Amino acid sequence: MALHTSPEAPLPIGEVSRLIGGWIDRLGAIWVEGQITQLSRRPGQGVVFLTLRDPSYDISVSVTCYRQVFDAVADVVTEGARVVAHAKPEWYAPRGQLSLRAVEIRPVGVGELLARLEALKRSLGAEGLFAADRKKLLPFLPHRVGLVCGRASAAERDVLENARRRWPAVRFEVRNVAVQGVHAVPQVVAAVQELDGLPDVDVIIVARGGGSVEDLLPFSDEQLVRAVSACRTPVVSAIGHEPDSPLLDLVADLRASTPTDAAKKVVPDVGEELERVRGLRDRALRTVRATLDREERGLAQALARSAMERPHRMVEERAAEVDALVARSRRVLGHLLDRADSELAHTRARVVSLSPAATLERGYAVLRTADGGVVRSPDEVTPGDELRARVAGGEFAVRVTEPAETAAEAVAEE
């Protein structure tokens, strides 16, 4: 659209900005490439602000996107990374500023590779292949160590030399394989499975020296990760250097930062173990001596007691107590018998004084009829009756010769 302007009829700058904005709004979304020079992710905001720079032309453009768009690549995209973005140009009329609204961001080169690895990592992690509860413990002293590494590589030399320096009797079952390139994954998988099938191999080390992300890519392959996850033998990952982190590190039962570190973690140091044994032996000896000293002191204290100096003293004291109790018992029993004897004599005297025999001793007699009945009244007998008279000295027979006389008559006669 042509505009007619002149010094006498200029176009206001605001109108120019509005017209530019209208023209830009008619543009569709485009793919752009650049390097992230600034990145702003403010907490609580749903929008992320970026600045993309083209080093060839030294031009920078502001880019905005929703947080969920950036979160999809946040693990592999940082400041300085090159990305391609699907964005729509926008014109901010009040400031006359051009920006881009991105709806998709993709890393370029290594960044794209890392993004794929991150997606694979999340997928395998969701299956539980990296769970800590499935990790197997390494044996303290393995009978034979399986080693998967490159032929005549520095990783092989580091593992073998350091392991034998720590424990000279250690034995290895080595499998040399390709550690990069198209043949690396199948050869490493076959070597791991073969070693896992050997009954005398107690632990397997997969070792490789450092390298670029592309060089270490075989050790993040899904096939290798699943093969290691299925092993019954503990697997140690010793890939690259400390910053390197292939997926094999996550699925292995133990991660070593370097091949040398793997040798240290798998094989114990004979010198350290001997020193530990000496230390434990000295500690046990000190403990035994301390126990003996404590028991000797306790025995000495026990022997120093009076009961131990005169062991019969307690028996003598108890014997004296028993004698005293016996004497006391005898005295008490004698008193009781004396008192009972006295009471018995008094009772006997009362019984004797009240008995019929005592009455007979005073001259009285008891008359009994032939049938044994006691005569209490003159009316109970008649002249001619035979009676038995009992006196103090014995019995004799009597005969009634006179008629009965009542008590009243006898008194009258007197």
Protein backbone atom coordinates (compact mmCIF):
# COMPACT_ATOMS: atom_id res chain seq x y z
CA MET A 1 0.00 0.00 0.00
CA ALA A 2 1.57 3.24 -1.12
CA LEU A 3 1.51 6.21 1.19
CA HIS A 4 1.65 9.81 -0.03
CA THR A 5 3.66 11.96 2.33
CA SER A 6 5.43 15.32 1.97
CA PRO A 7 7.16 17.79 4.20
CA GLU A 8 3.88 19.57 4.43
CA ALA A 9 1.89 16.34 5.15
CA PRO A 10 4.18 14.00 7.14
CA LEU A 11 2.92 10.71 8.61
CA PRO A 12 2.95 10.53 12.42
CA ILE A 13 5.39 8.00 13.82
CA GLY A 14 2.58 6.29 15.74
CA GLU A 15 0.73 5.76 12.49
CA VAL A 16 3.86 4.33 10.95
CA SER A 17 4.23 1.91 13.87
CA ARG A 18 0.58 0.93 13.56
CA LEU A 19 0.92 0.26 9.85
CA ILE A 20 4.06 -1.82 10.40
CA GLY A 21 2.25 -3.83 13.08
CA GLY A 22 -0.67 -4.49 10.73
CA TRP A 23 1.66 -5.68 7.99
CA ILE A 24 3.57 -7.96 10.40
CA ASP A 25 0.33 -9.41 11.82
CA ARG A 26 -0.47 -10.70 8.34
CA LEU A 27 2.73 -12.77 8.38
CA GLY A 28 2.44 -16.44 9.29
CA ALA A 29 4.60 -18.48 11.72
CA ILE A 30 8.14 -19.18 10.55
CA TRP A 31 11.08 -21.36 11.65
CA VAL A 32 14.05 -19.35 12.87
CA GLU A 33 17.47 -20.37 14.18
CA GLY A 34 19.69 -18.59 16.67
CA GLN A 35 21.77 -18.81 19.83
CA ILE A 36 20.22 -18.15 23.22
CA THR A 37 22.09 -15.24 24.81
CA GLN A 38 19.61 -14.39 27.57
CA LEU A 39 17.13 -16.58 29.38
CA SER A 40 14.64 -15.42 31.98
CA ARG A 41 12.35 -17.83 33.83
CA ARG A 42 10.70 -15.87 36.60
CA PRO A 43 9.02 -17.93 39.36
CA GLY A 44 5.24 -17.77 39.25
CA GLN A 45 5.04 -16.45 35.69
CA GLY A 46 3.65 -18.49 32.82
CA VAL A 47 5.86 -16.82 30.20
CA VAL A 48 9.56 -17.37 29.50
CA PHE A 49 11.64 -14.60 27.89
CA LEU A 50 14.54 -15.41 25.52
CA THR A 51 16.93 -13.47 23.36
CA LEU A 52 18.05 -15.14 20.13
CA ARG A 53 21.20 -13.85 18.47
CA ASP A 54 22.55 -14.48 15.00
CA PRO A 55 26.37 -14.36 15.30
CA SER A 56 26.75 -13.99 11.53
CA TYR A 57 24.86 -10.69 11.39
CA ASP A 58 25.23 -9.68 15.04
CA ILE A 59 21.46 -9.26 15.35
CA SER A 60 19.35 -10.17 18.39
CA VAL A 61 15.58 -10.65 18.60
CA SER A 62 13.41 -11.03 21.69
CA VAL A 63 11.39 -14.22 21.91
CA THR A 64 8.58 -15.13 24.30
CA CYS A 65 6.91 -18.48 24.85
CA TYR A 66 4.65 -20.14 27.34
CA ARG A 67 6.36 -22.03 30.15
CA GLN A 68 5.10 -25.43 28.99
CA VAL A 69 6.72 -24.83 25.59
CA PHE A 70 10.12 -24.18 27.16
CA ASP A 71 9.77 -26.93 29.82
CA ALA A 72 9.72 -29.52 27.03
CA VAL A 73 13.43 -28.76 26.31
CA ALA A 74 14.50 -27.17 29.59
CA ASP A 75 16.70 -30.16 30.53
CA VAL A 76 18.99 -29.73 27.48
CA VAL A 77 18.64 -26.03 26.58
CA THR A 78 20.53 -23.33 28.46
CA GLU A 79 22.13 -19.99 27.66
CA GLY A 80 24.59 -20.38 24.78
CA ALA A 81 22.69 -23.29 23.17
CA ARG A 82 21.62 -23.13 19.53
CA VAL A 83 17.95 -23.76 18.88
CA VAL A 84 15.37 -23.57 16.14
CA ALA A 85 11.99 -22.12 17.02
CA HIS A 86 8.62 -22.12 15.31
CA ALA A 87 7.44 -18.58 16.03
CA LYS A 88 5.13 -15.85 14.78
CA PRO A 89 6.50 -12.28 14.43
CA GLU A 90 4.81 -9.69 16.64
CA TRP A 91 5.12 -5.92 16.61
CA TYR A 92 4.81 -3.93 19.83
CA ALA A 93 3.51 -0.61 18.50
CA PRO A 94 4.07 1.62 21.60
CA ARG A 95 7.79 0.91 21.52
CA GLY A 96 8.20 0.08 17.88
CA GLN A 97 9.82 -3.26 18.84
CA LEU A 98 9.81 -6.54 16.93
CA SER A 99 9.59 -9.84 18.82
CA LEU A 100 8.71 -13.46 18.20
CA ARG A 101 6.08 -15.60 19.91
CA ALA A 102 7.41 -19.19 19.90
CA VAL A 103 5.07 -22.20 19.94
CA GLU A 104 7.80 -24.85 19.62
CA ILE A 105 11.52 -24.93 20.41
CA ARG A 106 13.99 -27.61 19.32
CA PRO A 107 17.66 -27.94 20.21
CA VAL A 108 20.16 -28.07 17.36
CA GLY A 109 23.05 -30.57 16.98
CA VAL A 110 24.16 -31.97 20.35
CA GLY A 111 21.21 -30.35 22.00
CA GLU A 112 18.80 -32.31 19.82
CA LEU A 113 20.69 -35.50 20.67
CA LEU A 114 20.50 -34.73 24.38
CA ALA A 115 16.79 -34.08 24.06
CA ARG A 116 16.25 -37.54 22.57
CA LEU A 117 18.35 -39.09 25.32
CA GLU A 118 16.35 -37.20 27.93
CA ALA A 119 13.09 -38.51 26.47
CA LEU A 120 14.48 -42.08 26.51
CA LYS A 121 15.66 -41.58 30.07
CA ARG A 122 12.18 -40.53 31.21
CA SER A 123 10.59 -43.48 29.37
CA LEU A 124 12.95 -46.09 30.89
CA GLY A 125 12.72 -44.48 34.30
CA ALA A 126 8.94 -44.74 34.18
CA GLU A 127 9.34 -48.50 33.63
CA GLY A 128 11.37 -48.76 36.85
CA LEU A 129 14.68 -49.76 35.23
CA PHE A 130 16.56 -47.14 37.27
CA ALA A 131 14.85 -47.88 40.61
CA ALA A 132 17.18 -48.14 43.61
CA ASP A 133 15.43 -51.22 45.03
CA ARG A 134 16.50 -53.36 42.06
CA LYS A 135 20.20 -52.62 42.52
CA LYS A 136 22.28 -55.66 43.51
CA LEU A 137 25.10 -55.56 46.05
CA LEU A 138 28.65 -56.24 44.92
CA PRO A 139 30.50 -59.19 46.51
CA PHE A 140 33.25 -58.28 48.96
CA LEU A 141 35.89 -60.41 47.20
CA PRO A 142 34.81 -61.61 43.73
CA HIS A 143 36.22 -64.94 42.51
CA ARG A 144 36.37 -63.69 38.93
CA VAL A 145 35.67 -60.25 37.46
CA GLY A 146 34.20 -59.86 33.99
CA LEU A 147 35.55 -56.87 32.03
CA VAL A 148 34.01 -55.46 28.84
CA CYS A 149 36.24 -52.82 27.19
CA GLY A 150 38.03 -51.78 24.02
CA ARG A 151 40.98 -53.80 22.78
CA ALA A 152 44.34 -52.58 24.22
CA SER A 153 42.54 -49.53 25.60
CA ALA A 154 43.59 -47.29 28.45
CA ALA A 155 40.40 -48.31 30.28
CA GLU A 156 41.44 -51.99 30.19
CA ARG A 157 44.93 -51.16 31.43
CA ASP A 158 43.63 -48.95 34.24
CA VAL A 159 41.20 -51.59 35.51
CA LEU A 160 43.63 -54.52 35.34
CA GLU A 161 46.65 -52.74 36.80
CA ASN A 162 44.80 -51.03 39.64
CA ALA A 163 42.85 -54.17 40.54
CA ARG A 164 45.96 -56.37 40.66
CA ARG A 165 47.83 -53.73 42.60
CA ARG A 166 45.08 -53.80 45.21
CA TRP A 167 44.60 -57.60 45.22
CA PRO A 168 47.27 -59.54 43.29
CA ALA A 169 45.25 -62.77 43.26
CA VAL A 170 42.25 -61.27 41.45
CA ARG A 171 41.24 -63.03 38.21
CA PHE A 172 39.63 -61.41 35.15
CA GLU A 173 37.52 -62.61 32.27
CA VAL A 174 38.11 -59.93 29.59
CA ARG A 175 35.96 -59.36 26.51
CA ASN A 176 37.33 -56.85 24.00
CA VAL A 177 34.63 -55.14 21.98
CA ALA A 178 34.06 -52.02 19.89
CA VAL A 179 33.24 -49.14 22.21
CA GLN A 180 32.00 -46.68 19.59
CA GLY A 181 30.50 -46.86 16.15
CA VAL A 182 27.70 -48.94 14.67
CA HIS A 183 29.07 -52.25 15.98
CA ALA A 184 29.52 -51.11 19.59
CA VAL A 185 26.01 -51.83 20.89
CA PRO A 186 25.61 -55.43 19.63
CA GLN A 187 29.16 -56.38 20.68
CA VAL A 188 28.82 -54.89 24.17
CA VAL A 189 25.40 -56.52 24.65
CA ALA A 190 26.74 -59.91 23.53
CA ALA A 191 29.79 -59.64 25.82
CA VAL A 192 27.67 -58.68 28.84
CA GLN A 193 25.22 -61.53 28.24
CA GLU A 194 28.09 -64.02 27.78
CA LEU A 195 29.77 -62.98 31.02
CA ASP A 196 26.44 -63.03 32.83
CA GLY A 197 26.06 -66.67 31.82
CA LEU A 198 29.40 -67.73 33.35
CA PRO A 199 28.77 -69.12 36.87
CA ASP A 200 32.16 -68.11 38.29
CA VAL A 201 31.89 -64.44 37.24
CA ASP A 202 30.70 -62.51 40.30
CA VAL A 203 30.70 -58.97 38.90
CA ILE A 204 30.89 -57.35 35.44
CA ILE A 205 32.63 -54.05 34.65
CA VAL A 206 31.76 -52.16 31.47
CA ALA A 207 34.58 -49.64 30.96
CA ARG A 208 35.48 -46.96 28.42
CA GLY A 209 37.59 -43.85 28.46
CA GLY A 210 36.28 -40.33 27.96
CA GLY A 211 34.89 -38.92 24.74
CA SER A 212 32.29 -36.66 23.20
CA VAL A 213 28.57 -37.14 23.56
CA GLU A 214 28.48 -38.84 20.16
CA ASP A 215 31.33 -41.21 21.14
CA LEU A 216 29.53 -42.28 24.33
CA LEU A 217 26.15 -42.63 22.61
CA PRO A 218 26.28 -46.49 22.42
CA PHE A 219 26.26 -46.65 26.23
CA SER A 220 22.89 -44.86 26.26
CA ASP A 221 21.33 -47.28 23.77
CA GLU A 222 18.00 -48.75 24.86
CA GLN A 223 19.04 -52.29 23.88
CA LEU A 224 22.14 -52.15 26.09
CA VAL A 225 20.21 -50.63 28.98
CA ARG A 226 17.62 -53.40 28.88
CA ALA A 227 20.32 -56.10 28.59
CA VAL A 228 22.09 -54.80 31.70
CA SER A 229 18.77 -54.54 33.55
CA ALA A 230 18.14 -58.24 32.87
CA CYS A 231 21.55 -59.41 34.20
CA ARG A 232 21.61 -61.62 37.30
CA THR A 233 25.26 -60.59 37.91
CA PRO A 234 25.97 -57.14 39.40
CA VAL A 235 27.14 -54.69 36.71
CA VAL A 236 29.47 -51.73 37.28
CA SER A 237 29.42 -48.84 34.80
CA ALA A 238 32.77 -47.05 34.29
CA ILE A 239 32.16 -44.91 31.23
CA GLY A 240 34.11 -41.72 30.51
CA HIS A 241 34.98 -39.24 33.19
CA GLU A 242 33.14 -37.79 36.18
CA PRO A 243 30.93 -35.30 34.17
CA ASP A 244 29.86 -37.98 31.67
CA SER A 245 26.54 -39.63 32.48
CA PRO A 246 25.27 -42.16 29.92
CA LEU A 247 22.09 -44.09 30.64
CA LEU A 248 24.21 -47.15 31.48
CA ASP A 249 25.23 -45.35 34.70
CA LEU A 250 21.60 -45.23 35.79
CA VAL A 251 20.70 -48.87 35.12
CA ALA A 252 23.98 -50.35 36.43
CA ASP A 253 24.10 -51.63 40.00
CA LEU A 254 27.04 -49.29 40.72
CA ARG A 255 28.44 -46.27 38.90
CA ALA A 256 32.17 -45.59 38.89
CA SER A 257 33.42 -42.18 37.84
CA THR A 258 36.38 -43.66 35.90
CA PRO A 259 37.75 -47.14 35.06
CA THR A 260 40.34 -46.68 37.81
CA ASP A 261 37.55 -45.92 40.25
CA ALA A 262 35.76 -49.11 39.13
CA ALA A 263 38.81 -51.21 40.04
CA LYS A 264 38.88 -49.62 43.49
CA LYS A 265 35.19 -50.26 44.10
CA VAL A 266 35.14 -53.85 42.86
CA VAL A 267 38.38 -55.23 44.33
CA PRO A 268 39.37 -54.61 47.99
CA ASP A 269 42.85 -53.35 48.82
CA VAL A 270 44.84 -56.17 50.45
CA GLY A 271 46.93 -53.65 52.38
CA GLU A 272 43.85 -51.86 53.69
CA GLU A 273 42.19 -55.15 54.61
CA LEU A 274 45.31 -56.38 56.45
CA GLU A 275 45.49 -53.09 58.30
CA ARG A 276 41.81 -53.41 59.14
CA VAL A 277 42.38 -56.97 60.39
CA ARG A 278 45.29 -55.77 62.53
CA GLY A 279 43.18 -52.98 63.87
CA LEU A 280 40.33 -55.35 64.72
CA ARG A 281 42.78 -57.79 66.31
CA ASP A 282 44.31 -55.04 68.45
CA ARG A 283 40.86 -53.83 69.39
CA ALA A 284 39.81 -57.38 70.36
CA LEU A 285 43.00 -57.81 72.38
CA ARG A 286 42.40 -54.54 74.21
CA THR A 287 38.83 -55.58 74.89
CA VAL A 288 39.90 -58.97 76.29
CA ARG A 289 42.58 -57.41 78.46
CA ALA A 290 40.18 -54.79 79.75
CA THR A 291 37.68 -57.54 80.57
CA LEU A 292 40.30 -59.58 82.41
CA ASP A 293 41.49 -56.53 84.35
CA ARG A 294 37.93 -55.69 85.33
CA GLU A 295 37.23 -59.25 86.45
CA GLU A 296 40.51 -59.41 88.40
CA ARG A 297 39.63 -56.21 90.21
CA GLY A 298 36.17 -57.58 90.99
CA LEU A 299 37.69 -60.83 92.26
CA ALA A 300 40.19 -58.94 94.42
CA GLN A 301 37.40 -56.84 95.92
CA ALA A 302 35.37 -59.98 96.62
CA LEU A 303 38.33 -61.70 98.29
CA ALA A 304 38.95 -58.62 100.42
CA ARG A 305 35.55 -58.96 102.08
CA SER A 306 35.42 -60.40 105.63
CA ALA A 307 33.23 -63.28 104.55
CA MET A 308 35.90 -64.46 102.15
CA GLU A 309 38.74 -63.97 104.65
CA ARG A 310 36.96 -66.23 107.25
CA PRO A 311 34.54 -68.38 105.21
CA HIS A 312 33.54 -70.43 108.33
CA ARG A 313 32.53 -67.34 110.24
CA MET A 314 29.08 -67.32 108.69
CA VAL A 315 28.59 -71.02 109.53
CA GLU A 316 29.72 -70.43 113.10
CA GLU A 317 27.37 -67.48 113.48
CA ARG A 318 24.48 -69.51 112.12
CA ALA A 319 25.42 -72.49 114.38
CA ALA A 320 25.39 -70.20 117.45
CA GLU A 321 21.99 -68.87 116.38
CA VAL A 322 20.69 -72.44 115.99
CA ASP A 323 22.03 -73.42 119.46
CA ALA A 324 20.42 -70.38 121.01
CA LEU A 325 17.11 -71.22 119.34
CA VAL A 326 17.32 -74.86 120.50
CA ALA A 327 18.07 -73.81 124.12
CA ARG A 328 15.25 -71.30 124.01
CA SER A 329 12.91 -73.95 122.65
CA ARG A 330 13.86 -76.33 125.44
CA ARG A 331 13.30 -73.71 128.11
CA VAL A 332 9.95 -72.80 126.67
CA LEU A 333 8.96 -76.47 126.42
CA GLY A 334 10.10 -77.10 130.05
CA HIS A 335 8.03 -74.16 131.27
CA LEU A 336 5.00 -75.41 129.37
CA LEU A 337 5.42 -78.96 130.77
CA ASP A 338 5.86 -77.67 134.32
CA ARG A 339 2.78 -75.54 134.04
CA ALA A 340 0.78 -78.44 132.57
CA ASP A 341 1.98 -80.76 135.35
CA SER A 342 0.94 -78.29 138.01
CA GLU A 343 -2.45 -77.80 136.42
CA LEU A 344 -2.86 -81.57 136.14
CA ALA A 345 -2.01 -82.08 139.85
CA HIS A 346 -4.55 -79.45 140.87
CA THR A 347 -7.16 -80.97 138.61
CA ARG A 348 -6.44 -84.46 139.99
CA ALA A 349 -6.71 -83.20 143.57
CA ARG A 350 -10.10 -81.66 142.80
CA VAL A 351 -11.25 -84.79 141.06
CA VAL A 352 -10.09 -86.98 143.99
CA SER A 353 -11.76 -84.78 146.53
CA LEU A 354 -15.02 -84.84 144.60
CA SER A 355 -14.96 -88.55 143.67
CA PRO A 356 -17.32 -91.14 145.38
CA ALA A 357 -14.24 -93.03 146.59
CA ALA A 358 -13.32 -90.12 148.82
CA THR A 359 -16.78 -90.21 150.31
CA LEU A 360 -16.40 -93.89 150.95
CA GLU A 361 -13.06 -93.24 152.65
CA ARG A 362 -14.91 -91.19 155.25
CA GLY A 363 -16.98 -94.26 156.32
CA TYR A 364 -19.91 -94.11 153.91
CA ALA A 365 -21.21 -97.17 152.02
CA VAL A 366 -23.17 -97.64 148.79
CA LEU A 367 -25.93 -100.29 148.81
CA ARG A 368 -26.90 -101.98 145.54
CA THR A 369 -29.74 -104.35 144.82
CA ALA A 370 -29.29 -107.68 143.08
CA ASP A 371 -29.96 -106.06 139.71
CA GLY A 372 -27.23 -103.41 140.41
CA GLY A 373 -29.50 -100.51 141.26
CA VAL A 374 -28.43 -98.06 143.99
CA VAL A 375 -30.62 -97.99 147.12
CA ARG A 376 -31.58 -94.40 147.88
CA SER A 377 -34.65 -94.89 150.09
CA PRO A 378 -35.70 -97.46 152.80
CA ASP A 379 -38.89 -98.01 150.86
CA GLU A 380 -36.94 -99.63 148.04
CA VAL A 381 -36.04 -102.73 150.24
CA THR A 382 -37.95 -105.24 152.32
CA PRO A 383 -36.83 -107.60 155.08
CA GLY A 384 -35.02 -110.58 153.65
CA ASP A 385 -33.59 -108.74 150.54
CA GLU A 386 -30.02 -109.53 149.63
CA LEU A 387 -27.96 -106.36 149.05
CA ARG A 388 -24.35 -105.55 148.17
CA ALA A 389 -22.58 -102.97 150.33
CA ARG A 390 -19.59 -101.10 148.80
CA VAL A 391 -17.16 -99.42 151.17
CA ALA A 392 -13.70 -97.90 150.67
CA GLY A 393 -12.00 -101.28 151.25
CA GLY A 394 -14.28 -103.36 148.98
CA GLU A 395 -17.76 -105.01 148.85
CA PHE A 396 -19.68 -107.49 150.97
CA ALA A 397 -23.23 -108.91 151.14
CA VAL A 398 -25.87 -107.78 153.61
CA ARG A 399 -29.41 -108.92 154.37
CA VAL A 400 -32.33 -106.71 155.41
CA THR A 401 -33.69 -107.96 158.73
CA GLU A 402 -35.99 -105.16 159.83
CA PRO A 403 -38.75 -103.33 158.07
CA ALA A 404 -38.00 -100.08 156.44
CA GLU A 405 -37.95 -96.95 158.59
CA THR A 406 -38.57 -93.58 156.96
CA ALA A 407 -36.38 -90.62 157.57
CA ALA A 408 -39.06 -88.81 159.53
CA GLU A 409 -39.42 -91.71 161.92
CA ALA A 410 -35.69 -91.97 162.36
CA VAL A 411 -35.51 -88.30 163.27
CA ALA A 412 -38.36 -88.67 165.70
CA GLU A 413 -36.63 -91.51 167.46
CA GLU A 414 -33.49 -89.52 167.79
